[in-house]
């Protein structure tokens, strides 16, 4: 014992020391549990399945394939190798393919367990637009009908390649547009 510290003071200091150590260990334990819960909530596989479910719910008669999806630190969901196939399309050539995209979602809705996409940014997408002999385009009926008050996400594409093939009687010759940039807005809402 040091000078000036009585037997009761030493016990109090030892108790205080253990309380501080115990508080630090409890805080570290809570931080570890919180980290585990957060990582399982934003795990790439959980995010991928949420995005797949959302896109499948929005599209009619389309097989959606995604290689990976993960939450980005500064917002949005980074998606790689996104492909849309229609029944009968060869797997090697989907009608829509994009190597990388970012889906910007409503964070408040995500806190309530709903994935609501506000904006989609596509980098180097490749789209095949084909009109059959009957005059119907391959993208007709792609989107499921949505309530008129529910906005469709804004779509921004950079470096797009658009292939157009027209097999109708008054069709145009095959055409490919490269390095296209476009924005699709649902404005006004109805």
C-alpha atoms as a PDB file:
ATOM      1  CA  UNK A   1       0.000   0.000   0.000  1.00  0.00           C
ATOM      2  CA  UNK A   2       1.129   3.481  -0.791  1.00  0.00           C
ATOM      3  CA  UNK A   3       1.472   6.210   1.818  1.00  0.00           C
ATOM      4  CA  UNK A   4      -1.824   7.836   2.768  1.00  0.00           C
ATOM      5  CA  UNK A   5      -4.090   5.030   1.444  1.00  0.00           C
ATOM      6  CA  UNK A   6      -5.830   3.044   4.128  1.00  0.00           C
ATOM      7  CA  UNK A   7      -7.111  -0.543   3.817  1.00  0.00           C
ATOM      8  CA  UNK A   8     -10.638   0.659   2.873  1.00  0.00           C
ATOM      9  CA  UNK A   9      -9.245   3.005   0.206  1.00  0.00           C
ATOM     10  CA  UNK A  10      -7.306   0.211  -1.488  1.00  0.00           C
ATOM     11  CA  UNK A  11     -10.455  -1.925  -1.714  1.00  0.00           C
ATOM     12  CA  UNK A  12     -12.397   0.988  -3.221  1.00  0.00           C
ATOM     13  CA  UNK A  13      -9.679   1.598  -5.813  1.00  0.00           C
ATOM     14  CA  UNK A  14      -9.575  -2.095  -6.726  1.00  0.00           C
ATOM     15  CA  UNK A  15     -13.394  -2.151  -7.034  1.00  0.00           C
ATOM     16  CA  UNK A  16     -13.326   1.018  -9.112  1.00  0.00           C
ATOM     17  CA  UNK A  17     -10.640  -0.461 -11.349  1.00  0.00           C
ATOM     18  CA  UNK A  18     -12.701  -3.620 -11.938  1.00  0.00           C
ATOM     19  CA  UNK A  19     -15.853  -1.555 -12.612  1.00  0.00           C
ATOM     20  CA  UNK A  20     -14.008   0.456 -15.271  1.00  0.00           C
ATOM     21  CA  UNK A  21     -12.564  -2.707 -16.839  1.00  0.00           C
ATOM     22  CA  UNK A  22     -15.977  -4.409 -16.729  1.00  0.00           C
ATOM     23  CA  UNK A  23     -17.639  -1.371 -18.364  1.00  0.00           C
ATOM     24  CA  UNK A  24     -15.051  -1.355 -21.134  1.00  0.00           C
ATOM     25  CA  UNK A  25     -15.500  -5.109 -21.721  1.00  0.00           C
ATOM     26  CA  UNK A  26     -19.307  -4.732 -21.748  1.00  0.00           C
ATOM     27  CA  UNK A  27     -19.072  -1.844 -24.253  1.00  0.00           C
ATOM     28  CA  UNK A  28     -16.767  -3.905 -26.486  1.00  0.00           C
ATOM     29  CA  UNK A  29     -19.171  -6.853 -26.260  1.00  0.00           C
ATOM     30  CA  UNK A  30     -22.141  -4.650 -27.230  1.00  0.00           C
ATOM     31  CA  UNK A  31     -20.120  -3.200 -30.092  1.00  0.00           C
ATOM     32  CA  UNK A  32     -19.253  -6.697 -31.342  1.00  0.00           C
ATOM     33  CA  UNK A  33     -22.898  -7.824 -31.161  1.00  0.00           C
ATOM     34  CA  UNK A  34     -24.007  -4.629 -32.925  1.00  0.00           C
ATOM     35  CA  UNK A  35     -21.373  -5.158 -35.620  1.00  0.00           C
ATOM     36  CA  UNK A  36     -22.528  -8.737 -36.157  1.00  0.00           C
ATOM     37  CA  UNK A  37     -26.184  -7.675 -36.446  1.00  0.00           C
ATOM     38  CA  UNK A  38     -25.289  -4.827 -38.821  1.00  0.00           C
ATOM     39  CA  UNK A  39     -23.091  -7.045 -40.993  1.00  0.00           C
ATOM     40  CA  UNK A  40     -25.793  -9.700 -41.270  1.00  0.00           C
ATOM     41  CA  UNK A  41     -28.338  -7.006 -42.163  1.00  0.00           C
ATOM     42  CA  UNK A  42     -26.158  -5.565 -44.926  1.00  0.00           C
ATOM     43  CA  UNK A  43     -24.400  -8.762 -45.941  1.00  0.00           C
ATOM     44  CA  UNK A  44     -23.917  -8.951 -49.708  1.00  0.00           C
ATOM     45  CA  UNK A  45     -26.062 -12.082 -49.966  1.00  0.00           C
ATOM     46  CA  UNK A  46     -28.945 -10.498 -48.032  1.00  0.00           C
ATOM     47  CA  UNK A  47     -28.716  -7.330 -50.144  1.00  0.00           C
ATOM     48  CA  UNK A  48     -28.543  -9.409 -53.352  1.00  0.00           C
ATOM     49  CA  UNK A  49     -31.665 -11.374 -52.420  1.00  0.00           C
ATOM     50  CA  UNK A  50     -33.538  -8.136 -51.552  1.00  0.00           C
ATOM     51  CA  UNK A  51     -32.607  -6.572 -54.908  1.00  0.00           C
ATOM     52  CA  UNK A  52     -33.555  -9.759 -56.785  1.00  0.00           C
ATOM     53  CA  UNK A  53     -36.919  -9.883 -55.018  1.00  0.00           C
ATOM     54  CA  UNK A  54     -37.575  -6.197 -55.735  1.00  0.00           C
ATOM     55  CA  UNK A  55     -36.719  -6.438 -59.447  1.00  0.00           C
ATOM     56  CA  UNK A  56     -38.649  -9.687 -59.892  1.00  0.00           C
ATOM     57  CA  UNK A  57     -41.652  -8.036 -58.245  1.00  0.00           C
ATOM     58  CA  UNK A  58     -41.454  -5.044 -60.628  1.00  0.00           C
ATOM     59  CA  UNK A  59     -40.945  -6.961 -63.885  1.00  0.00           C
ATOM     60  CA  UNK A  60     -43.364  -9.267 -65.668  1.00  0.00           C
ATOM     61  CA  UNK A  61     -42.140 -12.490 -67.315  1.00  0.00           C
ATOM     62  CA  UNK A  62     -38.458 -11.676 -66.844  1.00  0.00           C
ATOM     63  CA  UNK A  63     -35.696 -13.819 -65.356  1.00  0.00           C
ATOM     64  CA  UNK A  64     -33.451 -11.462 -63.367  1.00  0.00           C
ATOM     65  CA  UNK A  65     -29.826 -12.449 -62.730  1.00  0.00           C
ATOM     66  CA  UNK A  66     -27.382 -10.604 -60.488  1.00  0.00           C
ATOM     67  CA  UNK A  67     -23.819 -11.624 -59.755  1.00  0.00           C
ATOM     68  CA  UNK A  68     -23.485  -9.476 -56.629  1.00  0.00           C
ATOM     69  CA  UNK A  69     -25.067  -6.579 -54.754  1.00  0.00           C
ATOM     70  CA  UNK A  70     -23.701  -4.719 -51.763  1.00  0.00           C
ATOM     71  CA  UNK A  71     -24.490  -1.610 -49.760  1.00  0.00           C
ATOM     72  CA  UNK A  72     -22.175   1.323 -50.473  1.00  0.00           C
ATOM     73  CA  UNK A  73     -20.762   3.368 -47.610  1.00  0.00           C
ATOM     74  CA  UNK A  74     -22.019   6.709 -48.960  1.00  0.00           C
ATOM     75  CA  UNK A  75     -25.436   5.472 -50.060  1.00  0.00           C
ATOM     76  CA  UNK A  76     -26.913   3.254 -52.708  1.00  0.00           C
ATOM     77  CA  UNK A  77     -26.594  -0.385 -53.621  1.00  0.00           C
ATOM     78  CA  UNK A  78     -23.789  -1.380 -55.995  1.00  0.00           C
ATOM     79  CA  UNK A  79     -24.907  -4.154 -58.361  1.00  0.00           C
ATOM     80  CA  UNK A  80     -22.641  -6.075 -60.746  1.00  0.00           C
ATOM     81  CA  UNK A  81     -23.471  -8.168 -63.779  1.00  0.00           C
ATOM     82  CA  UNK A  82     -27.218  -7.484 -63.913  1.00  0.00           C
ATOM     83  CA  UNK A  83     -29.087  -9.340 -66.691  1.00  0.00           C
ATOM     84  CA  UNK A  84     -32.726  -9.583 -67.789  1.00  0.00           C
ATOM     85  CA  UNK A  85     -33.835 -12.580 -69.870  1.00  0.00           C
ATOM     86  CA  UNK A  86     -37.249 -13.335 -71.312  1.00  0.00           C
ATOM     87  CA  UNK A  87     -38.518 -16.884 -71.735  1.00  0.00           C
ATOM     88  CA  UNK A  88     -37.046 -18.280 -74.936  1.00  0.00           C
ATOM     89  CA  UNK A  89     -34.022 -15.955 -74.956  1.00  0.00           C
ATOM     90  CA  UNK A  90     -30.682 -17.746 -75.183  1.00  0.00           C
ATOM     91  CA  UNK A  91     -28.828 -17.492 -71.842  1.00  0.00           C
ATOM     92  CA  UNK A  92     -25.803 -16.106 -73.659  1.00  0.00           C
ATOM     93  CA  UNK A  93     -27.775 -13.073 -74.902  1.00  0.00           C
ATOM     94  CA  UNK A  94     -30.141 -11.361 -72.478  1.00  0.00           C
ATOM     95  CA  UNK A  95     -32.190  -8.442 -73.823  1.00  0.00           C
ATOM     96  CA  UNK A  96     -30.677  -6.206 -71.125  1.00  0.00           C
ATOM     97  CA  UNK A  97     -27.229  -6.507 -69.544  1.00  0.00           C
ATOM     98  CA  UNK A  98     -25.229  -4.061 -67.479  1.00  0.00           C
ATOM     99  CA  UNK A  99     -21.804  -4.740 -65.937  1.00  0.00           C
ATOM    100  CA  UNK A 100     -22.329  -2.300 -63.053  1.00  0.00           C
ATOM    101  CA  UNK A 101     -25.176  -0.222 -61.686  1.00  0.00           C
ATOM    102  CA  UNK A 102     -26.036   1.744 -58.572  1.00  0.00           C
ATOM    103  CA  UNK A 103     -29.545   1.666 -57.123  1.00  0.00           C
ATOM    104  CA  UNK A 104     -30.319   4.647 -54.909  1.00  0.00           C
ATOM    105  CA  UNK A 105     -32.969   3.669 -52.407  1.00  0.00           C
ATOM    106  CA  UNK A 106     -35.137   5.522 -49.917  1.00  0.00           C
ATOM    107  CA  UNK A 107     -33.306   4.993 -46.614  1.00  0.00           C
ATOM    108  CA  UNK A 108     -36.356   5.799 -44.518  1.00  0.00           C
ATOM    109  CA  UNK A 109     -38.385   3.083 -46.273  1.00  0.00           C
ATOM    110  CA  UNK A 110     -35.481   0.634 -45.877  1.00  0.00           C
ATOM    111  CA  UNK A 111     -35.631   1.204 -42.105  1.00  0.00           C
ATOM    112  CA  UNK A 112     -39.233  -0.059 -42.316  1.00  0.00           C
ATOM    113  CA  UNK A 113     -38.125  -3.180 -44.203  1.00  0.00           C
ATOM    114  CA  UNK A 114     -39.169  -2.003 -47.702  1.00  0.00           C
ATOM    115  CA  UNK A 115     -36.758  -1.515 -50.593  1.00  0.00           C
ATOM    116  CA  UNK A 116     -37.977   1.503 -52.590  1.00  0.00           C
ATOM    117  CA  UNK A 117     -35.646   2.490 -55.423  1.00  0.00           C
ATOM    118  CA  UNK A 118     -35.668   6.194 -56.341  1.00  0.00           C
ATOM    119  CA  UNK A 119     -32.896   6.318 -58.960  1.00  0.00           C
ATOM    120  CA  UNK A 120     -30.881   3.824 -61.020  1.00  0.00           C
ATOM    121  CA  UNK A 121     -27.517   4.682 -62.589  1.00  0.00           C
ATOM    122  CA  UNK A 122     -26.301   2.282 -65.280  1.00  0.00           C
ATOM    123  CA  UNK A 123     -22.711   2.155 -66.541  1.00  0.00           C
ATOM    124  CA  UNK A 124     -22.211   0.701 -70.039  1.00  0.00           C
ATOM    125  CA  UNK A 125     -25.543  -1.106 -70.355  1.00  0.00           C
ATOM    126  CA  UNK A 126     -26.300  -3.163 -73.464  1.00  0.00           C
ATOM    127  CA  UNK A 127     -29.911  -3.323 -74.664  1.00  0.00           C
ATOM    128  CA  UNK A 128     -31.443  -5.376 -77.489  1.00  0.00           C
ATOM    129  CA  UNK A 129     -34.679  -3.916 -78.851  1.00  0.00           C
ATOM    130  CA  UNK A 130     -36.333  -6.280 -81.320  1.00  0.00           C
ATOM    131  CA  UNK A 131     -39.624  -5.947 -83.148  1.00  0.00           C
ATOM    132  CA  UNK A 132     -41.139  -9.176 -84.388  1.00  0.00           C
ATOM    133  CA  UNK A 133     -42.962  -9.772 -87.672  1.00  0.00           C
ATOM    134  CA  UNK A 134     -46.227  -9.111 -85.802  1.00  0.00           C
ATOM    135  CA  UNK A 135     -45.028  -5.571 -84.972  1.00  0.00           C
ATOM    136  CA  UNK A 136     -44.637  -6.156 -81.217  1.00  0.00           C
ATOM    137  CA  UNK A 137     -41.421  -5.069 -79.492  1.00  0.00           C
ATOM    138  CA  UNK A 138     -39.650  -7.469 -77.119  1.00  0.00           C
ATOM    139  CA  UNK A 139     -39.986  -5.010 -74.207  1.00  0.00           C
ATOM    140  CA  UNK A 140     -43.778  -4.600 -74.362  1.00  0.00           C
ATOM    141  CA  UNK A 141     -45.369  -5.583 -71.056  1.00  0.00           C
ATOM    142  CA  UNK A 142     -42.015  -5.599 -69.282  1.00  0.00           C
ATOM    143  CA  UNK A 143     -43.089  -3.500 -66.293  1.00  0.00           C
ATOM    144  CA  UNK A 144     -45.931  -4.658 -64.110  1.00  0.00           C
ATOM    145  CA  UNK A 145     -48.672  -2.058 -63.740  1.00  0.00           C
ATOM    146  CA  UNK A 146     -48.011   0.180 -60.754  1.00  0.00           C
ATOM    147  CA  UNK A 147     -50.365   2.474 -58.847  1.00  0.00           C
ATOM    148  CA  UNK A 148     -50.581   5.872 -60.533  1.00  0.00           C
ATOM    149  CA  UNK A 149     -49.345   7.663 -57.405  1.00  0.00           C
ATOM    150  CA  UNK A 150     -46.228   5.483 -57.092  1.00  0.00           C
ATOM    151  CA  UNK A 151     -43.251   6.953 -58.961  1.00  0.00           C
ATOM    152  CA  UNK A 152     -41.121   4.855 -61.283  1.00  0.00           C
ATOM    153  CA  UNK A 153     -37.408   5.277 -60.521  1.00  0.00           C
ATOM    154  CA  UNK A 154     -35.370   7.718 -62.590  1.00  0.00           C
ATOM    155  CA  UNK A 155     -32.974   5.804 -64.853  1.00  0.00           C
ATOM    156  CA  UNK A 156     -29.664   7.361 -65.939  1.00  0.00           C
ATOM    157  CA  UNK A 157     -27.488   5.464 -68.438  1.00  0.00           C
ATOM    158  CA  UNK A 158     -23.944   6.308 -69.519  1.00  0.00           C
ATOM    159  CA  UNK A 159     -22.005   4.614 -72.310  1.00  0.00           C
ATOM    160  CA  UNK A 160     -24.995   2.546 -73.433  1.00  0.00           C
ATOM    161  CA  UNK A 161     -25.045   0.291 -76.483  1.00  0.00           C
ATOM    162  CA  UNK A 162     -28.492  -0.132 -78.015  1.00  0.00           C
ATOM    163  CA  UNK A 163     -29.072  -2.777 -80.703  1.00  0.00           C
ATOM    164  CA  UNK A 164     -32.253  -2.356 -82.741  1.00  0.00           C
ATOM    165  CA  UNK A 165     -33.578  -5.144 -84.968  1.00  0.00           C
ATOM    166  CA  UNK A 166     -36.877  -4.821 -86.819  1.00  0.00           C
ATOM    167  CA  UNK A 167     -38.429  -7.866 -88.487  1.00  0.00           C
ATOM    168  CA  UNK A 168     -41.772  -6.213 -89.273  1.00  0.00           C
ATOM    169  CA  UNK A 169     -42.890  -5.682 -92.883  1.00  0.00           C
ATOM    170  CA  UNK A 170     -42.095  -1.933 -92.791  1.00  0.00           C
ATOM    171  CA  UNK A 171     -39.023  -2.488 -90.629  1.00  0.00           C
ATOM    172  CA  UNK A 172     -35.817  -0.519 -90.532  1.00  0.00           C
ATOM    173  CA  UNK A 173     -32.408  -2.102 -91.144  1.00  0.00           C
ATOM    174  CA  UNK A 174     -30.483  -3.306 -88.073  1.00  0.00           C
ATOM    175  CA  UNK A 175     -28.998  -0.423 -86.144  1.00  0.00           C
ATOM    176  CA  UNK A 176     -26.535  -0.158 -83.264  1.00  0.00           C
ATOM    177  CA  UNK A 177     -26.133   2.991 -81.189  1.00  0.00           C
ATOM    178  CA  UNK A 178     -22.953   3.220 -79.118  1.00  0.00           C
ATOM    179  CA  UNK A 179     -21.845   5.477 -76.272  1.00  0.00           C
ATOM    180  CA  UNK A 180     -25.446   6.604 -75.784  1.00  0.00           C
ATOM    181  CA  UNK A 181     -26.400   8.661 -72.747  1.00  0.00           C
ATOM    182  CA  UNK A 182     -29.997   8.913 -71.694  1.00  0.00           C
ATOM    183  CA  UNK A 183     -32.231   9.695 -68.751  1.00  0.00           C
ATOM    184  CA  UNK A 184     -35.715   8.277 -68.270  1.00  0.00           C
ATOM    185  CA  UNK A 185     -38.011  10.306 -66.006  1.00  0.00           C
ATOM    186  CA  UNK A 186     -41.557   9.600 -64.902  1.00  0.00           C
ATOM    187  CA  UNK A 187     -42.638  13.243 -64.965  1.00  0.00           C
ATOM    188  CA  UNK A 188     -45.460  14.115 -64.610  1.00  0.00           C
ATOM    189  CA  UNK A 189     -46.403  11.210 -62.368  1.00  0.00           C
ATOM    190  CA  UNK A 190     -49.560   9.954 -64.130  1.00  0.00           C
END
